[in-house]
N, C-alpha and C. Protein backbone atom coordinates (compact mmCIF):
# COMPACT_ATOMS: atom_id res chain seq x y z
N MET A 1 28.33 217.60 136.76
CA MET A 1 29.62 216.87 135.96
C MET A 1 30.69 216.63 137.07
N ASP A 2 30.74 217.67 137.76
CA ASP A 2 31.81 217.76 138.62
C ASP A 2 31.88 216.27 139.76
N ILE A 3 30.77 216.32 139.89
CA ILE A 3 30.50 215.26 141.06
C ILE A 3 30.73 213.65 140.62
N ILE A 4 30.23 213.42 139.20
CA ILE A 4 30.51 212.48 138.62
C ILE A 4 32.28 212.10 138.54
N LYS A 5 32.98 213.21 138.15
CA LYS A 5 34.45 213.07 138.05
C LYS A 5 34.95 212.68 139.28
N SER A 6 34.56 213.62 140.82
CA SER A 6 34.86 213.08 142.00
C SER A 6 34.79 211.99 142.34
N ILE A 7 33.61 211.52 142.09
CA ILE A 7 33.41 209.96 142.24
C ILE A 7 34.12 208.65 141.95
N GLU A 8 34.54 209.08 140.34
CA GLU A 8 35.07 208.23 139.45
C GLU A 8 36.62 208.35 139.92
N HIS A 9 37.15 209.31 140.42
CA HIS A 9 38.71 209.64 140.78
C HIS A 9 38.72 209.08 142.14
N GLU A 10 37.50 208.92 142.89
CA GLU A 10 37.82 208.04 144.16
C GLU A 10 38.42 206.67 143.97
N GLN A 11 37.28 206.20 142.70
CA GLN A 11 37.43 204.76 142.49
C GLN A 11 38.99 204.48 141.78
N LEU A 12 39.68 204.98 141.23
CA LEU A 12 40.59 204.91 140.63
C LEU A 12 41.65 204.14 141.46
N LYS A 13 42.65 203.42 140.87
CA LYS A 13 43.58 202.48 141.61
C LYS A 13 44.93 203.81 141.40
N ASN A 14 45.78 203.77 142.74
CA ASN A 14 46.83 204.87 142.43
C ASN A 14 47.80 204.52 141.59
N ARG A 15 47.81 203.34 141.34
CA ARG A 15 49.04 202.89 140.29
C ARG A 15 48.24 201.58 139.26
N ILE A 16 48.50 201.53 138.07
CA ILE A 16 48.20 200.71 137.31
C ILE A 16 49.37 200.19 136.24
N PRO A 17 48.99 198.85 135.96
CA PRO A 17 50.45 198.58 134.93
C PRO A 17 50.37 199.15 133.92
N ASP A 18 51.47 199.13 133.08
CA ASP A 18 51.98 199.76 131.84
C ASP A 18 51.52 198.35 130.87
N LEU A 19 50.33 198.48 130.28
CA LEU A 19 50.00 197.15 129.26
C LEU A 19 49.97 197.76 128.24
N LYS A 20 50.67 196.69 127.56
CA LYS A 20 50.82 197.08 125.73
C LYS A 20 50.33 195.72 125.13
N VAL A 21 49.81 196.13 123.86
CA VAL A 21 48.81 194.73 123.15
C VAL A 21 50.06 194.17 122.84
N GLY A 22 49.98 192.58 122.76
CA GLY A 22 51.26 191.86 122.46
C GLY A 22 51.91 191.22 123.30
N ASN A 23 51.84 191.85 124.50
CA ASN A 23 52.52 191.22 125.67
C ASN A 23 51.66 190.16 126.22
N THR A 24 52.73 189.31 126.75
CA THR A 24 51.93 187.97 127.48
C THR A 24 52.03 188.26 128.98
N VAL A 25 50.87 188.22 129.65
CA VAL A 25 50.59 188.53 130.74
C VAL A 25 49.98 187.59 131.59
N LYS A 26 50.19 187.84 133.33
CA LYS A 26 49.52 186.85 134.16
C LYS A 26 48.62 187.71 134.69
N VAL A 27 47.45 187.45 134.96
CA VAL A 27 46.44 188.17 135.43
C VAL A 27 45.75 187.50 136.87
N HIS A 28 46.12 188.06 137.99
CA HIS A 28 45.99 187.35 139.29
C HIS A 28 44.31 188.14 139.55
N ILE A 29 43.14 187.09 140.00
CA ILE A 29 42.28 187.58 139.85
C ILE A 29 41.48 187.36 141.26
N ARG A 30 40.72 187.88 142.05
CA ARG A 30 40.40 187.65 143.26
C ARG A 30 38.92 187.03 142.91
N ILE A 31 38.73 185.78 143.15
CA ILE A 31 36.95 184.89 143.10
C ILE A 31 36.73 184.69 144.33
N LYS A 32 35.34 184.78 144.50
CA LYS A 32 34.81 184.45 145.54
C LYS A 32 33.65 183.18 145.59
N GLU A 33 34.21 182.57 145.98
CA GLU A 33 33.25 181.00 145.80
C GLU A 33 32.29 181.02 147.06
N GLY A 34 31.06 181.26 147.29
CA GLY A 34 30.66 181.11 148.74
C GLY A 34 31.29 182.20 149.56
N ASN A 35 31.54 181.46 150.75
CA ASN A 35 32.05 182.40 152.09
C ASN A 35 33.82 182.39 151.80
N LYS A 36 34.35 181.50 150.79
CA LYS A 36 35.54 181.68 150.26
C LYS A 36 36.19 182.22 149.21
N GLU A 37 37.42 182.97 149.63
CA GLU A 37 38.19 183.94 148.50
C GLU A 37 39.26 183.27 148.22
N ARG A 38 39.85 183.28 146.77
CA ARG A 38 40.96 183.03 146.30
C ARG A 38 41.54 183.68 145.24
N ILE A 39 42.46 183.40 144.96
CA ILE A 39 43.31 183.96 143.86
C ILE A 39 43.73 182.87 142.49
N GLN A 40 43.02 183.48 141.56
CA GLN A 40 43.29 182.41 140.53
C GLN A 40 44.28 183.54 139.31
N VAL A 41 44.95 182.68 138.60
CA VAL A 41 45.97 183.35 138.05
C VAL A 41 45.40 182.99 136.29
N PHE A 42 45.14 183.94 135.44
CA PHE A 42 44.89 183.99 133.80
C PHE A 42 45.71 184.58 133.24
N GLU A 43 46.57 183.47 132.26
CA GLU A 43 47.98 183.75 132.02
C GLU A 43 47.26 183.76 130.17
N GLY A 44 47.94 185.23 129.68
CA GLY A 44 47.44 184.92 127.73
C GLY A 44 48.33 186.10 127.20
N ILE A 45 47.84 186.45 126.00
CA ILE A 45 48.06 187.37 125.44
C ILE A 45 47.25 188.90 125.24
N ILE A 46 47.62 189.70 125.50
CA ILE A 46 46.84 190.92 125.61
C ILE A 46 46.41 191.38 123.94
N ILE A 47 44.94 191.13 123.64
CA ILE A 47 44.57 191.57 122.18
C ILE A 47 44.17 193.09 122.18
N LYS A 48 43.52 193.54 123.05
CA LYS A 48 43.33 194.95 122.86
C LYS A 48 43.28 195.50 124.19
N VAL A 49 43.14 197.02 124.31
CA VAL A 49 43.19 197.77 125.20
C VAL A 49 42.51 198.73 124.82
N GLN A 50 41.32 199.10 125.72
CA GLN A 50 40.20 200.15 124.99
C GLN A 50 39.92 201.07 126.54
N GLY A 51 39.20 202.36 126.08
CA GLY A 51 38.50 202.95 127.01
C GLY A 51 39.65 204.04 127.83
N GLY A 52 39.04 204.60 128.74
CA GLY A 52 39.76 205.68 129.84
C GLY A 52 39.17 205.74 130.87
N GLY A 53 40.14 206.24 131.81
CA GLY A 53 39.58 206.50 133.16
C GLY A 53 39.47 205.00 133.78
N VAL A 54 38.09 205.43 134.70
CA VAL A 54 37.52 203.96 135.16
C VAL A 54 37.19 203.09 134.51
N ASN A 55 36.83 203.11 133.31
CA ASN A 55 36.26 202.09 132.11
C ASN A 55 37.30 201.67 131.35
N LYS A 56 38.50 201.91 131.84
CA LYS A 56 39.51 201.24 130.85
C LYS A 56 39.71 199.65 130.94
N THR A 57 39.40 199.02 129.82
CA THR A 57 39.77 197.64 130.10
C THR A 57 40.77 197.22 129.03
N PHE A 58 41.15 195.57 129.29
CA PHE A 58 42.05 195.16 128.28
C PHE A 58 41.23 193.39 128.10
N THR A 59 41.52 192.84 127.13
CA THR A 59 41.10 191.60 126.87
C THR A 59 42.57 190.46 126.69
N VAL A 60 42.53 189.79 127.49
CA VAL A 60 43.62 188.68 127.14
C VAL A 60 43.05 187.59 126.54
N ARG A 61 43.80 186.84 125.79
CA ARG A 61 43.34 185.48 124.99
C ARG A 61 44.44 184.35 125.51
N LYS A 62 43.95 183.44 125.44
CA LYS A 62 44.77 181.88 125.68
C LYS A 62 44.03 181.00 125.26
N ILE A 63 44.75 180.04 124.96
CA ILE A 63 43.91 178.60 124.26
C ILE A 63 43.93 177.77 125.65
N SER A 64 42.81 176.94 126.23
CA SER A 64 42.75 176.31 126.84
C SER A 64 42.15 174.91 126.23
N TYR A 65 42.85 173.70 126.33
CA TYR A 65 42.35 172.39 125.97
C TYR A 65 41.89 172.85 124.77
N GLY A 66 42.71 173.45 123.71
CA GLY A 66 42.21 173.38 122.43
C GLY A 66 41.27 174.43 122.08
N VAL A 67 40.60 175.14 122.88
CA VAL A 67 39.61 176.19 122.95
C VAL A 67 40.11 177.57 123.45
N GLY A 68 39.92 178.34 122.38
CA GLY A 68 40.43 179.95 122.64
C GLY A 68 39.48 180.38 123.79
N VAL A 69 39.92 180.83 124.81
CA VAL A 69 39.26 181.88 125.91
C VAL A 69 39.77 183.22 125.95
N GLU A 70 38.92 184.06 125.91
CA GLU A 70 38.96 185.38 125.92
C GLU A 70 38.53 186.14 127.14
N LYS A 71 39.19 186.83 128.22
CA LYS A 71 38.50 187.21 129.22
C LYS A 71 38.52 188.96 129.15
N THR A 72 37.90 189.66 129.53
CA THR A 72 38.12 191.36 129.42
C THR A 72 38.02 191.58 131.10
N PHE A 73 39.19 192.40 131.24
CA PHE A 73 39.29 193.10 132.62
C PHE A 73 39.16 194.73 132.73
N LEU A 74 38.48 194.82 133.89
CA LEU A 74 38.96 196.29 134.25
C LEU A 74 40.11 196.43 134.86
N ILE A 75 40.85 197.49 134.47
CA ILE A 75 41.84 197.74 135.01
C ILE A 75 41.91 198.12 136.25
N HIS A 76 40.72 199.16 136.71
CA HIS A 76 40.64 199.74 138.00
C HIS A 76 39.73 198.85 138.96
N SER A 77 39.39 197.59 138.63
CA SER A 77 38.56 196.64 139.31
C SER A 77 39.27 196.28 140.61
N PRO A 78 38.64 196.14 141.56
CA PRO A 78 39.52 195.71 142.98
C PRO A 78 39.81 194.45 142.98
N LEU A 79 38.82 193.67 141.93
CA LEU A 79 39.08 191.94 141.77
C LEU A 79 40.24 191.72 141.20
N VAL A 80 40.76 192.71 140.38
CA VAL A 80 42.12 192.63 139.65
C VAL A 80 43.24 192.93 140.62
N GLU A 81 43.93 191.47 141.52
CA GLU A 81 45.03 192.00 142.57
C GLU A 81 46.55 192.40 141.83
N LYS A 82 46.75 191.66 140.67
CA LYS A 82 47.99 192.62 140.24
C LYS A 82 47.97 191.70 138.54
N VAL A 83 48.88 192.23 137.77
CA VAL A 83 49.20 191.73 136.40
C VAL A 83 50.68 191.78 136.38
N GLU A 84 51.14 190.83 135.83
CA GLU A 84 52.85 190.44 135.73
C GLU A 84 52.78 190.33 134.20
N VAL A 85 54.07 190.90 133.75
CA VAL A 85 54.27 190.75 132.27
C VAL A 85 55.19 189.79 132.17
N VAL A 86 54.97 188.61 131.62
CA VAL A 86 55.64 187.32 131.23
C VAL A 86 56.57 187.46 129.93
N ARG A 87 55.98 188.08 129.16
CA ARG A 87 57.05 188.43 127.92
C ARG A 87 56.58 189.38 127.13
N VAL A 88 57.19 190.18 126.62
CA VAL A 88 56.99 191.45 125.79
C VAL A 88 57.18 190.88 124.12
N GLY A 89 55.71 191.27 124.06
CA GLY A 89 55.66 191.09 122.42
C GLY A 89 55.97 191.68 121.17
N LYS A 90 55.93 191.65 120.05
CA LYS A 90 55.89 192.51 119.09
C LYS A 90 54.70 192.91 118.44
N ALA A 91 54.35 194.04 118.55
CA ALA A 91 52.85 193.98 117.66
C ALA A 91 53.01 195.83 117.18
N ARG A 92 52.13 195.30 115.79
CA ARG A 92 52.65 196.43 114.74
C ARG A 92 50.90 197.21 114.51
N ARG A 93 50.03 196.65 115.66
CA ARG A 93 48.58 197.34 115.57
C ARG A 93 48.08 197.26 116.85
N ALA A 94 46.87 197.83 116.74
CA ALA A 94 46.19 197.99 118.05
C ALA A 94 45.43 196.87 118.74
N ARG A 95 44.89 196.20 117.68
CA ARG A 95 44.25 195.07 118.29
C ARG A 95 44.54 193.92 117.11
N LEU A 96 44.78 192.90 117.79
CA LEU A 96 45.37 191.63 117.59
C LEU A 96 44.19 190.45 117.35
N PHE A 97 43.33 190.69 116.70
CA PHE A 97 42.00 189.63 116.28
C PHE A 97 42.27 188.89 115.61
N TYR A 98 43.51 188.80 114.71
CA TYR A 98 43.75 187.92 113.66
C TYR A 98 44.33 186.91 114.51
N LEU A 99 45.24 186.76 115.60
CA LEU A 99 45.12 185.90 116.63
C LEU A 99 44.18 184.34 116.44
N ARG A 100 42.63 185.14 116.72
CA ARG A 100 41.61 184.20 116.76
C ARG A 100 41.45 183.03 115.67
N ASP A 101 42.17 183.32 114.67
CA ASP A 101 41.93 182.43 113.23
C ASP A 101 43.47 181.45 113.48
N ARG A 102 44.13 181.56 114.35
CA ARG A 102 45.42 181.09 114.37
C ARG A 102 45.32 180.05 115.52
N ILE A 103 46.28 178.86 115.72
CA ILE A 103 46.41 177.74 116.50
C ILE A 103 47.90 177.46 116.51
N GLY A 104 48.08 176.71 117.63
CA GLY A 104 49.69 176.77 118.05
C GLY A 104 50.58 177.73 118.01
N LYS A 105 51.76 177.68 117.57
CA LYS A 105 52.52 178.46 117.68
C LYS A 105 52.37 180.08 116.85
N ALA A 106 51.46 179.52 115.76
CA ALA A 106 51.43 180.63 114.97
C ALA A 106 50.30 181.89 115.85
N ALA A 107 49.69 181.22 116.94
CA ALA A 107 48.85 182.11 117.60
C ALA A 107 49.63 182.97 118.94
N LYS A 108 50.99 182.86 118.66
CA LYS A 108 51.93 183.73 119.52
C LYS A 108 52.44 185.27 118.95
N THR A 109 52.69 185.96 119.56
CA THR A 109 53.59 187.06 119.10
C THR A 109 54.93 187.01 118.81
N LYS A 110 55.77 187.64 118.31
CA LYS A 110 56.97 187.75 118.35
C LYS A 110 57.77 188.05 119.38
N GLU A 111 58.71 187.64 120.21
CA GLU A 111 59.17 188.41 121.15
C GLU A 111 60.08 189.54 120.92
N LYS A 112 59.98 190.69 121.40
CA LYS A 112 60.92 191.66 121.33
C LYS A 112 62.44 191.24 121.96
N ILE A 113 63.37 191.45 121.10
CA ILE A 113 64.59 191.02 121.23
C ILE A 113 64.88 192.09 121.90
N GLY A 114 66.02 191.52 123.33
CA GLY A 114 66.64 192.38 124.16
C GLY A 114 65.74 193.15 124.94
N ALA A 115 64.36 193.08 124.87
CA ALA A 115 63.40 193.58 125.91
C ALA A 115 63.32 193.16 127.53
N ARG A 116 63.56 194.08 128.01
CA ARG A 116 63.51 193.99 129.72
C ARG A 116 62.25 193.47 130.07
N ILE A 117 62.10 192.53 131.06
CA ILE A 117 60.65 192.14 131.22
C ILE A 117 60.62 193.20 132.71
N GLU A 118 59.79 194.20 132.68
CA GLU A 118 59.63 195.12 133.70
C GLU A 118 58.18 195.25 133.91
N ASN A 119 58.01 195.11 135.13
CA ASN A 119 56.68 195.73 135.43
C ASN A 119 56.53 196.94 135.94
N LYS A 120 55.96 197.73 134.76
CA LYS A 120 56.26 199.06 135.02
C LYS A 120 54.92 199.57 135.38
N GLU A 121 54.62 200.76 136.14
CA GLU A 121 53.69 200.97 136.49
C GLU A 121 53.23 202.77 136.55
N ILE A 122 52.12 202.92 135.89
CA ILE A 122 51.86 204.23 135.72
C ILE A 122 51.09 204.60 137.29
N VAL A 123 51.66 206.08 137.65
CA VAL A 123 51.07 206.59 138.49
C VAL A 123 49.90 207.20 138.17
N ILE A 124 48.76 207.07 138.52
CA ILE A 124 47.65 207.88 138.27
C ILE A 124 47.26 209.10 139.36
N LYS A 125 47.32 208.42 140.67
CA LYS A 125 47.41 209.43 141.75
C LYS A 125 48.41 209.67 142.94
N GLU A 126 48.91 210.53 143.28
CA GLU A 126 49.98 210.27 144.52
C GLU A 126 49.32 209.49 145.61
N ASP A 127 50.11 208.82 146.49
CA ASP A 127 49.64 208.23 147.53
C ASP A 127 49.75 209.25 148.58
N LEU A 128 48.56 209.14 149.33
CA LEU A 128 48.19 210.16 150.41
C LEU A 128 49.19 209.73 151.34
N ALA A 129 49.42 208.62 151.80
CA ALA A 129 50.21 208.31 153.17
C ALA A 129 51.79 208.92 152.85
N GLU A 130 52.34 208.86 151.63
CA GLU A 130 53.31 209.52 151.17
C GLU A 130 53.34 210.87 151.52
N ASP A 131 52.51 211.57 151.12
CA ASP A 131 52.20 213.03 151.36
C ASP A 131 52.44 213.35 152.95
N VAL A 132 51.45 212.43 153.62
CA VAL A 132 51.50 212.72 154.95
C VAL A 132 52.85 212.47 155.70
N LYS A 133 53.62 211.47 155.13
CA LYS A 133 55.03 211.20 155.69
C LYS A 133 55.96 212.40 155.70
N GLU A 134 55.82 212.75 154.13
CA GLU A 134 56.76 213.96 153.99
C GLU A 134 56.65 215.46 154.87
N GLU A 135 55.24 215.30 155.31
CA GLU A 135 54.78 216.50 156.02
C GLU A 135 55.48 216.55 157.37
N VAL A 136 55.08 215.04 157.96
CA VAL A 136 55.67 214.84 159.45
C VAL A 136 57.04 214.95 159.30
N GLN A 137 57.96 214.68 158.34
CA GLN A 137 59.35 214.57 158.64
C GLN A 137 59.64 216.08 158.25
N GLU A 138 58.90 217.01 157.49
CA GLU A 138 59.28 218.33 157.41
C GLU A 138 59.10 218.91 158.83
N ALA A 139 57.83 218.64 159.18
CA ALA A 139 57.39 219.31 160.63
C ALA A 139 58.40 218.95 161.49
N ALA A 140 58.96 217.60 161.53
CA ALA A 140 60.11 217.44 162.52
C ALA A 140 61.28 217.88 162.09
N LYS A 141 61.83 218.08 161.13
CA LYS A 141 62.86 218.89 161.14
C LYS A 141 62.97 220.35 161.46
N GLU A 142 61.57 221.20 160.97
CA GLU A 142 61.51 222.46 161.79
C GLU A 142 61.44 222.07 163.24
N GLU A 143 60.98 221.22 163.82
CA GLU A 143 61.34 221.17 165.45
C GLU A 143 62.51 221.16 165.94
N LYS A 144 63.50 220.46 165.20
CA LYS A 144 64.75 220.32 165.45
C LYS A 144 65.73 221.40 165.22
N ALA A 145 65.52 221.99 164.36
CA ALA A 145 66.10 223.66 163.86
C ALA A 145 65.70 224.52 164.99
N GLU A 146 64.62 224.50 165.68
CA GLU A 146 64.30 225.54 166.41
C GLU A 146 64.66 225.32 167.81
C-alpha cells in the first residue's frame, strides 16, 4: 500500500486551482494532433467536483451552437495546462445537474456580488526547488558569519 501512495504522490501537481461548483472557468488543455501540439481553451460552468488525490476530477458544461457540451478533466493531468476563474458563481448545492434542462440565461448561475476573481491555488506539496534555495541561502549566511 505504501508503494501505491508514493507513486501517486509523485504524480500530483504541486499546486492546484481552488475550484468551486458554480464558477465559470477557462480550462487550457494541451491537445496533440499528429506531431503538432497546441493549447485549446474550454470555457464553461463547473457543475461537479468529485474524487480525491490523483483521481480528483471536475466537470465543465457549456453550450456550443445550441448543444450542451460537458467535459470532465483530471485536475492533476499533465494535459490540463491551467484553469482560470472568469466568474464566481453562487451555488447552494454540490451538483448542478439541473442546468442540463435549461437554456439561455437560465443555464447560468447567479454571480456572487462583491466577490473578487482570484485564481487561488491550493498547495499540495512544497516545491523542492524552494527548499533547496533556502538551504543554499542559509549555508551562505553561515559562511559569511564565520
